[in-house]
Amino acid sequence: MIIYGLSTCAICQRARKTLEEAGKVVSFRDVRAEPLSEAELAELIAEFGDRLVDRKSNDYRALNDWLKNSEADAQISARPKVMARPVIRDNGVFYLGWDEAVQKDLLPG
């Protein structure tokens, strides 16, 4: 299982800790320190579309008009912090966020 997010993101940290406490083997990738490749980003956009960009974040609001009107891949490549997070990959299945539905799917019991 791999979590894509930011090391400073509290939700990413909580997801990682909870999954590890549940006995999952988790690797974490900070998308700011180790940006997604074009192929990885294309795979995530194919899965989530525009939902992959967090349009409510201050980082998104700080984008210039050109980037705001660009495709999601350009926005995330320019500013990885605008990616909605965490993105969790478990056995080839992707999950976006850390809400009840995601927790129910990934946690035992």
C-alpha atoms as a PDB file:
ATOM      1  CA  MET A   1       0.000   0.000   0.000  1.00  0.00           C
ATOM      2  CA  ILE A   2       1.257   3.448  -0.836  1.00  0.00           C
ATOM      3  CA  ILE A   3      -0.019   6.819   0.291  1.00  0.00           C
ATOM      4  CA  TYR A   4       0.640   9.841  -1.922  1.00  0.00           C
ATOM      5  CA  GLY A   5       0.429  13.116  -0.055  1.00  0.00           C
ATOM      6  CA  LEU A   6       2.461  15.695   1.829  1.00  0.00           C
ATOM      7  CA  SER A   7       4.538  14.959   4.904  1.00  0.00           C
ATOM      8  CA  THR A   8       3.071  18.098   6.504  1.00  0.00           C
ATOM      9  CA  CYS A   9      -0.564  17.094   5.824  1.00  0.00           C
ATOM     10  CA  ALA A  10      -2.344  16.157   9.062  1.00  0.00           C
ATOM     11  CA  ILE A  11      -4.909  13.994   7.260  1.00  0.00           C
ATOM     12  CA  CYS A  12      -2.137  12.090   5.445  1.00  0.00           C
ATOM     13  CA  GLN A  13      -0.339  11.546   8.751  1.00  0.00           C
ATOM     14  CA  ARG A  14      -3.543  10.326  10.419  1.00  0.00           C
ATOM     15  CA  ALA A  15      -4.319   7.940   7.552  1.00  0.00           C
ATOM     16  CA  ARG A  16      -0.812   6.513   7.631  1.00  0.00           C
ATOM     17  CA  LYS A  17      -0.802   6.061  11.397  1.00  0.00           C
ATOM     18  CA  THR A  18      -4.250   4.434  11.431  1.00  0.00           C
ATOM     19  CA  LEU A  19      -3.390   2.045   8.608  1.00  0.00           C
ATOM     20  CA  GLU A  20      -0.077   1.068  10.214  1.00  0.00           C
ATOM     21  CA  GLU A  21      -1.793   0.490  13.562  1.00  0.00           C
ATOM     22  CA  ALA A  22      -4.236  -1.798  11.733  1.00  0.00           C
ATOM     23  CA  GLY A  23      -1.268  -3.895  10.593  1.00  0.00           C
ATOM     24  CA  LYS A  24      -0.992  -2.596   7.032  1.00  0.00           C
ATOM     25  CA  VAL A  25       2.419  -2.197   5.427  1.00  0.00           C
ATOM     26  CA  VAL A  26       2.404   1.398   4.250  1.00  0.00           C
ATOM     27  CA  SER A  27       4.924   3.339   2.229  1.00  0.00           C
ATOM     28  CA  PHE A  28       4.531   7.106   2.021  1.00  0.00           C
ATOM     29  CA  ARG A  29       5.460   9.365  -0.856  1.00  0.00           C
ATOM     30  CA  ASP A  30       5.628  13.111  -0.400  1.00  0.00           C
ATOM     31  CA  VAL A  31       4.584  14.433  -3.816  1.00  0.00           C
ATOM     32  CA  ARG A  32       6.337  17.721  -3.168  1.00  0.00           C
ATOM     33  CA  ALA A  33       9.702  16.103  -2.369  1.00  0.00           C
ATOM     34  CA  GLU A  34       9.312  13.384  -5.026  1.00  0.00           C
ATOM     35  CA  PRO A  35       6.922  14.673  -7.722  1.00  0.00           C
ATOM     36  CA  LEU A  36       4.704  12.292  -9.641  1.00  0.00           C
ATOM     37  CA  SER A  37       5.913  11.242 -13.077  1.00  0.00           C
ATOM     38  CA  GLU A  38       3.782  12.094 -16.110  1.00  0.00           C
ATOM     39  CA  ALA A  39       2.606   8.459 -16.256  1.00  0.00           C
ATOM     40  CA  GLU A  40       1.693   8.368 -12.541  1.00  0.00           C
ATOM     41  CA  LEU A  41      -0.160  11.658 -12.787  1.00  0.00           C
ATOM     42  CA  ALA A  42      -2.005  10.488 -15.915  1.00  0.00           C
ATOM     43  CA  GLU A  43      -3.058   7.321 -14.083  1.00  0.00           C
ATOM     44  CA  LEU A  44      -4.432   9.306 -11.140  1.00  0.00           C
ATOM     45  CA  ILE A  45      -6.242  11.764 -13.404  1.00  0.00           C
ATOM     46  CA  ALA A  46      -7.768   8.866 -15.343  1.00  0.00           C
ATOM     47  CA  GLU A  47      -9.039   7.497 -12.018  1.00  0.00           C
ATOM     48  CA  PHE A  48     -10.251  10.710 -10.337  1.00  0.00           C
ATOM     49  CA  GLY A  49     -10.454  13.389 -13.041  1.00  0.00           C
ATOM     50  CA  ASP A  50     -10.795  16.948 -11.755  1.00  0.00           C
ATOM     51  CA  ARG A  51     -11.473  15.682  -8.221  1.00  0.00           C
ATOM     52  CA  LEU A  52      -7.697  15.223  -7.949  1.00  0.00           C
ATOM     53  CA  VAL A  53      -7.333  19.015  -7.592  1.00  0.00           C
ATOM     54  CA  ASP A  54      -8.416  20.529  -4.275  1.00  0.00           C
ATOM     55  CA  ARG A  55     -10.098  23.706  -5.493  1.00  0.00           C
ATOM     56  CA  LYS A  56     -10.947  24.818  -1.942  1.00  0.00           C
ATOM     57  CA  SER A  57      -7.307  25.106  -0.865  1.00  0.00           C
ATOM     58  CA  ASN A  58      -5.434  28.362  -0.438  1.00  0.00           C
ATOM     59  CA  ASP A  59      -2.777  26.979  -2.771  1.00  0.00           C
ATOM     60  CA  TYR A  60      -5.336  26.583  -5.555  1.00  0.00           C
ATOM     61  CA  ARG A  61      -6.698  30.090  -4.981  1.00  0.00           C
ATOM     62  CA  ALA A  62      -3.116  31.391  -5.245  1.00  0.00           C
ATOM     63  CA  LEU A  63      -2.670  29.953  -8.755  1.00  0.00           C
ATOM     64  CA  ASN A  64      -2.560  32.477 -11.563  1.00  0.00           C
ATOM     65  CA  ASP A  65      -5.492  32.607 -13.972  1.00  0.00           C
ATOM     66  CA  TRP A  66      -3.629  30.699 -16.648  1.00  0.00           C
ATOM     67  CA  LEU A  67      -3.010  27.754 -14.307  1.00  0.00           C
ATOM     68  CA  LYS A  68      -6.545  27.875 -12.899  1.00  0.00           C
ATOM     69  CA  ASN A  69      -7.820  27.424 -16.460  1.00  0.00           C
ATOM     70  CA  SER A  70      -5.293  24.672 -17.235  1.00  0.00           C
ATOM     71  CA  GLU A  71      -5.815  20.932 -16.975  1.00  0.00           C
ATOM     72  CA  ALA A  72      -5.385  19.155 -13.632  1.00  0.00           C
ATOM     73  CA  ASP A  73      -2.023  17.682 -14.632  1.00  0.00           C
ATOM     74  CA  ALA A  74      -0.567  21.140 -15.300  1.00  0.00           C
ATOM     75  CA  GLN A  75      -1.910  22.452 -11.989  1.00  0.00           C
ATOM     76  CA  ILE A  76      -0.477  19.567  -9.962  1.00  0.00           C
ATOM     77  CA  SER A  77       2.840  19.605 -11.825  1.00  0.00           C
ATOM     78  CA  ALA A  78       3.219  23.334 -11.154  1.00  0.00           C
ATOM     79  CA  ARG A  79       2.052  23.179  -7.532  1.00  0.00           C
ATOM     80  CA  PRO A  80       1.913  19.652  -6.035  1.00  0.00           C
ATOM     81  CA  LYS A  81       0.184  21.053  -2.942  1.00  0.00           C
ATOM     82  CA  VAL A  82      -3.047  21.527  -4.920  1.00  0.00           C
ATOM     83  CA  MET A  83      -3.461  17.751  -5.206  1.00  0.00           C
ATOM     84  CA  ALA A  84      -6.346  16.443  -3.125  1.00  0.00           C
ATOM     85  CA  ARG A  85      -4.966  14.085  -0.539  1.00  0.00           C
ATOM     86  CA  PRO A  86      -4.285  11.539   0.537  1.00  0.00           C
ATOM     87  CA  VAL A  87      -4.362   9.309  -2.509  1.00  0.00           C
ATOM     88  CA  ILE A  88      -4.047   5.702  -1.398  1.00  0.00           C
ATOM     89  CA  ARG A  89      -3.152   2.820  -3.694  1.00  0.00           C
ATOM     90  CA  ASP A  90      -3.919  -0.632  -2.345  1.00  0.00           C
ATOM     91  CA  ASN A  91      -3.484  -3.662  -4.601  1.00  0.00           C
ATOM     92  CA  GLY A  92      -4.129  -1.633  -7.746  1.00  0.00           C
ATOM     93  CA  VAL A  93      -7.227   0.111  -6.343  1.00  0.00           C
ATOM     94  CA  PHE A  94      -7.113   3.863  -5.748  1.00  0.00           C
ATOM     95  CA  TYR A  95      -8.839   5.803  -2.978  1.00  0.00           C
ATOM     96  CA  LEU A  96      -9.046   9.574  -2.643  1.00  0.00           C
ATOM     97  CA  GLY A  97      -9.292  11.172   0.780  1.00  0.00           C
ATOM     98  CA  TRP A  98      -9.689   9.699   4.239  1.00  0.00           C
ATOM     99  CA  ASP A  99     -13.421   9.729   4.822  1.00  0.00           C
ATOM    100  CA  GLU A 100     -15.627   7.039   6.374  1.00  0.00           C
ATOM    101  CA  ALA A 101     -16.095   5.184   3.080  1.00  0.00           C
ATOM    102  CA  VAL A 102     -12.344   4.928   2.467  1.00  0.00           C
ATOM    103  CA  GLN A 103     -11.702   3.849   6.056  1.00  0.00           C
ATOM    104  CA  LYS A 104     -14.431   1.203   5.823  1.00  0.00           C
ATOM    105  CA  ASP A 105     -12.836  -0.217   2.660  1.00  0.00           C
ATOM    106  CA  LEU A 106      -9.266  -0.239   3.989  1.00  0.00           C
ATOM    107  CA  LEU A 107      -9.602  -1.046   7.676  1.00  0.00           C
ATOM    108  CA  PRO A 108     -10.547  -4.429   9.127  1.00  0.00           C
ATOM    109  CA  GLY A 109     -13.770  -4.872  11.027  1.00  0.00           C
END
